[in-house]
């Protein structure tokens, strides 16, 4: 609190400068940002990295096959997906542990933004 009071006293009550910010609606990864408004449209979301929608993904997840999960993600990227929809919610599994095992690998190897579902 003292350092803030000193700062306020030094600035002399001046208002913060006005900023005009143009927000960018995008999803981002460690490597890139993908605008939600694609040109040409549409924004392609890879849905096969979803335990509730892909039997192959769910089976690899149940087997603890992180390499296989990453390969599925890479295949979607190679097929043109701009973003991956990743859902690791699977009955009877420790979702937090699955996220901890998979997400660091996806962030580095898939190199496209990931939406956690």
N, C-alpha and C. Protein backbone atom coordinates (compact mmCIF):
# COMPACT_ATOMS: atom_id res chain seq x y z
N UNK A 1 0.81 -1.22 0.00
CA UNK A 1 0.00 0.00 0.00
C UNK A 1 0.84 1.27 0.00
N UNK A 2 1.99 1.26 0.69
CA UNK A 2 2.81 2.49 0.70
C UNK A 2 3.39 2.79 -0.67
N UNK A 3 3.82 1.77 -1.37
CA UNK A 3 4.41 2.03 -2.69
C UNK A 3 3.34 2.53 -3.67
N UNK A 4 2.11 2.03 -3.53
CA UNK A 4 1.03 2.53 -4.39
C UNK A 4 0.70 3.98 -4.06
N UNK A 5 0.69 4.33 -2.77
CA UNK A 5 0.43 5.72 -2.37
C UNK A 5 1.52 6.64 -2.92
N UNK A 6 2.77 6.17 -2.88
CA UNK A 6 3.88 6.97 -3.41
C UNK A 6 3.73 7.14 -4.92
N UNK A 7 3.30 6.11 -5.60
CA UNK A 7 3.10 6.19 -7.05
C UNK A 7 1.99 7.18 -7.39
N UNK A 8 0.88 7.09 -6.67
CA UNK A 8 -0.24 8.00 -6.90
C UNK A 8 0.20 9.44 -6.65
N UNK A 9 0.96 9.67 -5.57
CA UNK A 9 1.43 11.03 -5.26
C UNK A 9 2.36 11.53 -6.36
N UNK A 10 3.19 10.69 -6.87
CA UNK A 10 4.16 11.10 -7.91
C UNK A 10 3.48 11.39 -9.25
N UNK A 11 2.44 10.64 -9.58
CA UNK A 11 1.74 10.87 -10.84
C UNK A 11 0.87 12.11 -10.80
N UNK A 12 0.58 12.61 -9.64
CA UNK A 12 -0.16 13.86 -9.54
C UNK A 12 -1.62 13.74 -9.96
N UNK A 13 -2.21 12.58 -9.83
CA UNK A 13 -3.63 12.44 -10.13
C UNK A 13 -3.96 12.39 -11.61
N UNK A 14 -2.97 12.21 -12.46
CA UNK A 14 -3.24 12.12 -13.89
C UNK A 14 -4.02 10.86 -14.22
N UNK A 15 -4.89 10.97 -15.19
CA UNK A 15 -5.66 9.82 -15.65
C UNK A 15 -4.80 8.97 -16.57
N UNK A 16 -5.12 7.70 -16.60
CA UNK A 16 -4.42 6.80 -17.52
C UNK A 16 -4.73 7.21 -18.95
N UNK A 17 -3.76 7.08 -19.85
CA UNK A 17 -4.03 7.43 -21.25
C UNK A 17 -5.08 6.50 -21.85
N UNK A 18 -5.84 7.03 -22.78
CA UNK A 18 -6.86 6.24 -23.45
C UNK A 18 -6.19 5.28 -24.43
N UNK A 19 -6.69 4.05 -24.45
CA UNK A 19 -6.15 3.05 -25.36
C UNK A 19 -7.27 2.55 -26.25
N UNK A 20 -7.02 2.51 -27.52
CA UNK A 20 -7.96 1.92 -28.47
C UNK A 20 -7.43 0.54 -28.83
N UNK A 21 -8.12 -0.47 -28.38
CA UNK A 21 -7.67 -1.85 -28.59
C UNK A 21 -8.66 -2.55 -29.50
N UNK A 22 -8.13 -3.17 -30.53
CA UNK A 22 -8.95 -3.99 -31.42
C UNK A 22 -8.77 -5.44 -30.98
N UNK A 23 -9.75 -6.00 -30.30
CA UNK A 23 -9.56 -7.37 -29.83
C UNK A 23 -9.51 -8.36 -31.00
N UNK A 24 -8.67 -9.36 -30.85
CA UNK A 24 -8.57 -10.44 -31.84
C UNK A 24 -9.24 -11.66 -31.25
N UNK A 25 -10.28 -12.12 -31.89
CA UNK A 25 -10.96 -13.33 -31.44
C UNK A 25 -10.24 -14.51 -32.05
N UNK A 26 -9.49 -15.22 -31.19
CA UNK A 26 -8.65 -16.30 -31.68
C UNK A 26 -8.42 -17.33 -30.59
N UNK A 27 -7.96 -18.49 -31.01
CA UNK A 27 -7.48 -19.53 -30.11
C UNK A 27 -5.97 -19.60 -30.32
N UNK A 28 -5.23 -19.89 -29.25
CA UNK A 28 -3.78 -19.90 -29.42
C UNK A 28 -3.14 -21.12 -28.79
N UNK A 29 -1.97 -21.45 -29.30
CA UNK A 29 -1.15 -22.53 -28.77
C UNK A 29 0.20 -21.91 -28.43
N UNK A 30 1.17 -22.74 -28.11
CA UNK A 30 2.52 -22.22 -27.86
C UNK A 30 3.12 -21.63 -29.13
N UNK A 31 2.63 -22.04 -30.29
CA UNK A 31 3.28 -21.70 -31.55
C UNK A 31 2.52 -20.72 -32.42
N UNK A 32 1.21 -20.65 -32.28
CA UNK A 32 0.46 -19.79 -33.18
C UNK A 32 -0.90 -19.43 -32.61
N UNK A 33 -1.48 -18.41 -33.19
CA UNK A 33 -2.87 -18.06 -32.89
C UNK A 33 -3.69 -18.31 -34.15
N UNK A 34 -4.89 -18.84 -33.97
CA UNK A 34 -5.76 -19.12 -35.09
C UNK A 34 -7.01 -18.26 -34.93
N UNK A 35 -7.21 -17.30 -35.84
CA UNK A 35 -8.41 -16.47 -35.75
C UNK A 35 -9.67 -17.32 -35.87
N UNK A 36 -10.69 -16.98 -35.09
CA UNK A 36 -11.94 -17.71 -35.18
C UNK A 36 -12.65 -17.42 -36.50
N UNK A 37 -12.37 -16.27 -37.08
CA UNK A 37 -12.94 -15.93 -38.39
C UNK A 37 -11.90 -16.30 -39.44
N UNK A 38 -12.09 -17.42 -40.10
CA UNK A 38 -11.16 -17.92 -41.11
C UNK A 38 -11.51 -17.36 -42.48
N UNK A 39 -10.48 -17.22 -43.28
CA UNK A 39 -10.69 -16.84 -44.66
C UNK A 39 -9.79 -17.72 -45.52
N UNK A 40 -10.29 -18.61 -46.30
CA UNK A 40 -11.71 -18.89 -46.52
C UNK A 40 -12.29 -19.66 -45.35
N UNK A 41 -13.59 -19.57 -45.22
CA UNK A 41 -14.29 -20.27 -44.15
C UNK A 41 -14.43 -21.73 -44.52
N UNK A 42 -14.67 -22.61 -43.64
CA UNK A 42 -14.96 -22.48 -42.22
C UNK A 42 -13.72 -22.75 -41.37
N UNK A 43 -13.82 -22.49 -40.08
CA UNK A 43 -12.81 -22.90 -39.11
C UNK A 43 -12.99 -24.40 -38.90
N UNK A 44 -11.96 -25.17 -39.17
CA UNK A 44 -12.06 -26.63 -39.06
C UNK A 44 -11.57 -27.10 -37.69
N UNK A 45 -12.46 -27.76 -36.95
CA UNK A 45 -12.15 -28.25 -35.61
C UNK A 45 -12.06 -29.76 -35.65
N UNK A 46 -10.90 -30.28 -35.29
CA UNK A 46 -10.70 -31.73 -35.25
C UNK A 46 -11.42 -32.32 -34.05
N UNK A 47 -12.38 -33.17 -34.30
CA UNK A 47 -13.22 -33.73 -33.24
C UNK A 47 -12.83 -35.15 -32.84
N UNK A 48 -11.86 -35.75 -33.50
CA UNK A 48 -11.53 -37.16 -33.20
C UNK A 48 -10.69 -37.32 -31.94
N UNK A 49 -10.27 -36.22 -31.32
CA UNK A 49 -9.53 -36.29 -30.06
C UNK A 49 -10.50 -36.11 -28.90
N UNK A 50 -11.59 -36.84 -28.95
CA UNK A 50 -12.67 -36.70 -27.98
C UNK A 50 -13.10 -38.10 -27.54
N UNK A 51 -12.90 -38.39 -26.25
CA UNK A 51 -13.22 -39.72 -25.72
C UNK A 51 -14.70 -40.05 -25.83
N UNK A 52 -15.55 -39.04 -25.88
CA UNK A 52 -16.99 -39.28 -25.96
C UNK A 52 -17.46 -39.47 -27.39
N UNK A 53 -16.65 -39.09 -28.36
CA UNK A 53 -17.10 -39.17 -29.74
C UNK A 53 -16.28 -40.08 -30.63
N UNK A 54 -15.14 -40.55 -30.12
CA UNK A 54 -14.27 -41.38 -30.95
C UNK A 54 -13.90 -42.65 -30.18
N UNK A 55 -14.36 -43.78 -30.68
CA UNK A 55 -14.05 -45.06 -30.03
C UNK A 55 -12.55 -45.33 -30.06
N UNK A 56 -11.90 -45.02 -31.18
CA UNK A 56 -10.45 -45.26 -31.30
C UNK A 56 -9.68 -44.41 -30.28
N UNK A 57 -10.08 -43.16 -30.09
CA UNK A 57 -9.42 -42.29 -29.13
C UNK A 57 -9.64 -42.85 -27.72
N UNK A 58 -10.87 -43.22 -27.41
CA UNK A 58 -11.23 -43.75 -26.08
C UNK A 58 -10.43 -45.02 -25.79
N UNK A 59 -10.30 -45.90 -26.78
CA UNK A 59 -9.54 -47.14 -26.57
C UNK A 59 -8.06 -46.86 -26.31
N UNK A 60 -7.48 -45.93 -27.05
CA UNK A 60 -6.08 -45.58 -26.82
C UNK A 60 -5.91 -44.94 -25.43
N UNK A 61 -6.86 -44.11 -25.06
CA UNK A 61 -6.81 -43.47 -23.74
C UNK A 61 -6.89 -44.54 -22.65
N UNK A 62 -7.80 -45.49 -22.78
CA UNK A 62 -7.96 -46.55 -21.78
C UNK A 62 -6.69 -47.40 -21.67
N UNK A 63 -5.98 -47.55 -22.77
CA UNK A 63 -4.74 -48.33 -22.78
C UNK A 63 -3.53 -47.51 -22.32
N UNK A 64 -3.73 -46.21 -22.07
CA UNK A 64 -2.61 -45.35 -21.69
C UNK A 64 -1.66 -45.08 -22.83
N UNK A 65 -2.14 -45.18 -24.06
CA UNK A 65 -1.32 -45.03 -25.28
C UNK A 65 -1.22 -43.55 -25.67
N UNK A 66 -0.38 -42.81 -24.98
CA UNK A 66 -0.23 -41.38 -25.26
C UNK A 66 0.31 -41.17 -26.68
N UNK A 67 1.23 -42.03 -27.10
CA UNK A 67 1.77 -41.92 -28.47
C UNK A 67 0.65 -42.03 -29.50
N UNK A 68 -0.26 -42.97 -29.30
CA UNK A 68 -1.38 -43.15 -30.21
C UNK A 68 -2.32 -41.95 -30.21
N UNK A 69 -2.55 -41.36 -29.04
CA UNK A 69 -3.39 -40.17 -28.94
C UNK A 69 -2.77 -39.00 -29.68
N UNK A 70 -1.46 -38.83 -29.51
CA UNK A 70 -0.76 -37.76 -30.20
C UNK A 70 -0.79 -38.00 -31.71
N UNK A 71 -0.65 -39.25 -32.13
CA UNK A 71 -0.70 -39.57 -33.56
C UNK A 71 -2.06 -39.22 -34.14
N UNK A 72 -3.13 -39.48 -33.38
CA UNK A 72 -4.47 -39.12 -33.86
C UNK A 72 -4.60 -37.61 -34.00
N UNK A 73 -4.04 -36.87 -33.06
CA UNK A 73 -4.09 -35.41 -33.14
C UNK A 73 -3.31 -34.91 -34.35
N UNK A 74 -2.12 -35.47 -34.55
CA UNK A 74 -1.30 -35.06 -35.70
C UNK A 74 -2.00 -35.38 -37.02
N UNK A 75 -2.68 -36.51 -37.08
CA UNK A 75 -3.40 -36.88 -38.30
C UNK A 75 -4.48 -35.84 -38.62
N UNK A 76 -5.16 -35.37 -37.60
CA UNK A 76 -6.19 -34.34 -37.83
C UNK A 76 -5.56 -33.04 -38.31
N UNK A 77 -4.41 -32.70 -37.73
CA UNK A 77 -3.69 -31.52 -38.19
C UNK A 77 -3.29 -31.68 -39.66
N UNK A 78 -2.78 -32.85 -40.01
CA UNK A 78 -2.36 -33.11 -41.39
C UNK A 78 -3.54 -33.06 -42.36
N UNK A 79 -4.73 -33.37 -41.85
CA UNK A 79 -5.94 -33.35 -42.70
C UNK A 79 -6.55 -31.96 -42.79
N UNK A 80 -5.93 -30.96 -42.12
CA UNK A 80 -6.39 -29.59 -42.29
C UNK A 80 -7.10 -28.96 -41.11
N UNK A 81 -7.18 -29.65 -39.98
CA UNK A 81 -7.83 -29.04 -38.81
C UNK A 81 -7.04 -27.81 -38.36
N UNK A 82 -7.77 -26.75 -38.01
CA UNK A 82 -7.15 -25.54 -37.49
C UNK A 82 -7.00 -25.60 -35.97
N UNK A 83 -7.90 -26.36 -35.32
CA UNK A 83 -7.99 -26.45 -33.87
C UNK A 83 -8.37 -27.89 -33.51
N UNK A 84 -7.89 -28.37 -32.36
CA UNK A 84 -8.29 -29.69 -31.88
C UNK A 84 -9.24 -29.55 -30.71
N UNK A 85 -10.33 -30.30 -30.74
CA UNK A 85 -11.26 -30.38 -29.61
C UNK A 85 -10.86 -31.60 -28.81
N UNK A 86 -10.27 -31.40 -27.64
CA UNK A 86 -9.77 -32.51 -26.84
C UNK A 86 -10.68 -32.71 -25.62
N UNK A 87 -11.23 -33.89 -25.50
CA UNK A 87 -12.06 -34.25 -24.34
C UNK A 87 -11.52 -35.56 -23.78
N UNK A 88 -11.06 -35.52 -22.54
CA UNK A 88 -10.52 -36.70 -21.88
C UNK A 88 -11.45 -37.20 -20.76
N UNK A 89 -12.68 -36.67 -20.72
CA UNK A 89 -13.65 -37.09 -19.72
C UNK A 89 -14.16 -38.47 -20.10
N UNK A 90 -13.80 -39.46 -19.31
CA UNK A 90 -14.14 -40.85 -19.60
C UNK A 90 -14.43 -41.52 -18.26
N UNK A 91 -15.60 -42.11 -18.13
CA UNK A 91 -16.04 -42.69 -16.86
C UNK A 91 -15.02 -43.70 -16.34
N UNK A 92 -14.68 -43.54 -15.07
CA UNK A 92 -13.77 -44.48 -14.43
C UNK A 92 -12.31 -44.14 -14.57
N UNK A 93 -11.98 -43.04 -15.27
CA UNK A 93 -10.58 -42.66 -15.44
C UNK A 93 -10.29 -41.40 -14.65
N UNK A 94 -9.03 -41.19 -14.35
CA UNK A 94 -8.58 -39.98 -13.66
C UNK A 94 -8.30 -38.93 -14.74
N UNK A 95 -9.29 -38.08 -14.99
CA UNK A 95 -9.19 -37.11 -16.07
C UNK A 95 -8.00 -36.16 -15.88
N UNK A 96 -7.77 -35.73 -14.64
CA UNK A 96 -6.64 -34.81 -14.38
C UNK A 96 -5.31 -35.47 -14.75
N UNK A 97 -5.16 -36.74 -14.43
CA UNK A 97 -3.92 -37.45 -14.78
C UNK A 97 -3.80 -37.60 -16.29
N UNK A 98 -4.91 -37.88 -16.97
CA UNK A 98 -4.89 -37.99 -18.43
C UNK A 98 -4.51 -36.67 -19.08
N UNK A 99 -5.06 -35.57 -18.56
CA UNK A 99 -4.72 -34.24 -19.08
C UNK A 99 -3.24 -33.97 -18.87
N UNK A 100 -2.73 -34.28 -17.66
CA UNK A 100 -1.31 -34.03 -17.36
C UNK A 100 -0.40 -34.85 -18.26
N UNK A 101 -0.82 -36.04 -18.65
CA UNK A 101 0.01 -36.89 -19.51
C UNK A 101 -0.04 -36.45 -20.97
N UNK A 102 -1.21 -36.03 -21.44
CA UNK A 102 -1.38 -35.76 -22.87
C UNK A 102 -1.12 -34.32 -23.28
N UNK A 103 -1.62 -33.38 -22.51
CA UNK A 103 -1.59 -31.98 -22.98
C UNK A 103 -0.19 -31.43 -23.24
N UNK A 104 0.80 -31.69 -22.39
CA UNK A 104 2.14 -31.17 -22.73
C UNK A 104 2.64 -31.70 -24.07
N UNK A 105 2.35 -32.94 -24.36
CA UNK A 105 2.76 -33.52 -25.64
C UNK A 105 2.01 -32.88 -26.81
N UNK A 106 0.71 -32.68 -26.64
CA UNK A 106 -0.07 -32.07 -27.73
C UNK A 106 0.39 -30.64 -27.98
N UNK A 107 0.64 -29.90 -26.92
CA UNK A 107 1.05 -28.51 -27.09
C UNK A 107 2.34 -28.39 -27.88
N UNK A 108 3.24 -29.35 -27.71
CA UNK A 108 4.52 -29.31 -28.41
C UNK A 108 4.44 -29.97 -29.77
N UNK A 109 3.79 -31.11 -29.86
CA UNK A 109 3.84 -31.89 -31.09
C UNK A 109 2.74 -31.58 -32.09
N UNK A 110 1.56 -31.24 -31.63
CA UNK A 110 0.49 -30.95 -32.57
C UNK A 110 0.66 -29.54 -33.16
N UNK A 111 1.16 -28.62 -32.36
CA UNK A 111 1.47 -27.26 -32.78
C UNK A 111 0.28 -26.48 -33.31
N UNK A 112 -0.93 -26.89 -32.99
CA UNK A 112 -2.09 -26.09 -33.29
C UNK A 112 -2.89 -25.92 -32.01
N UNK A 113 -3.70 -24.90 -31.92
CA UNK A 113 -4.45 -24.67 -30.69
C UNK A 113 -5.34 -25.86 -30.32
N UNK A 114 -5.50 -26.02 -29.03
CA UNK A 114 -6.31 -27.11 -28.47
C UNK A 114 -7.40 -26.51 -27.62
N UNK A 115 -8.64 -26.95 -27.85
CA UNK A 115 -9.76 -26.56 -27.00
C UNK A 115 -10.01 -27.73 -26.06
N UNK A 116 -9.91 -27.49 -24.75
CA UNK A 116 -10.22 -28.52 -23.78
C UNK A 116 -11.72 -28.58 -23.60
N UNK A 117 -12.29 -29.71 -23.87
CA UNK A 117 -13.75 -29.89 -23.80
C UNK A 117 -14.10 -30.52 -22.47
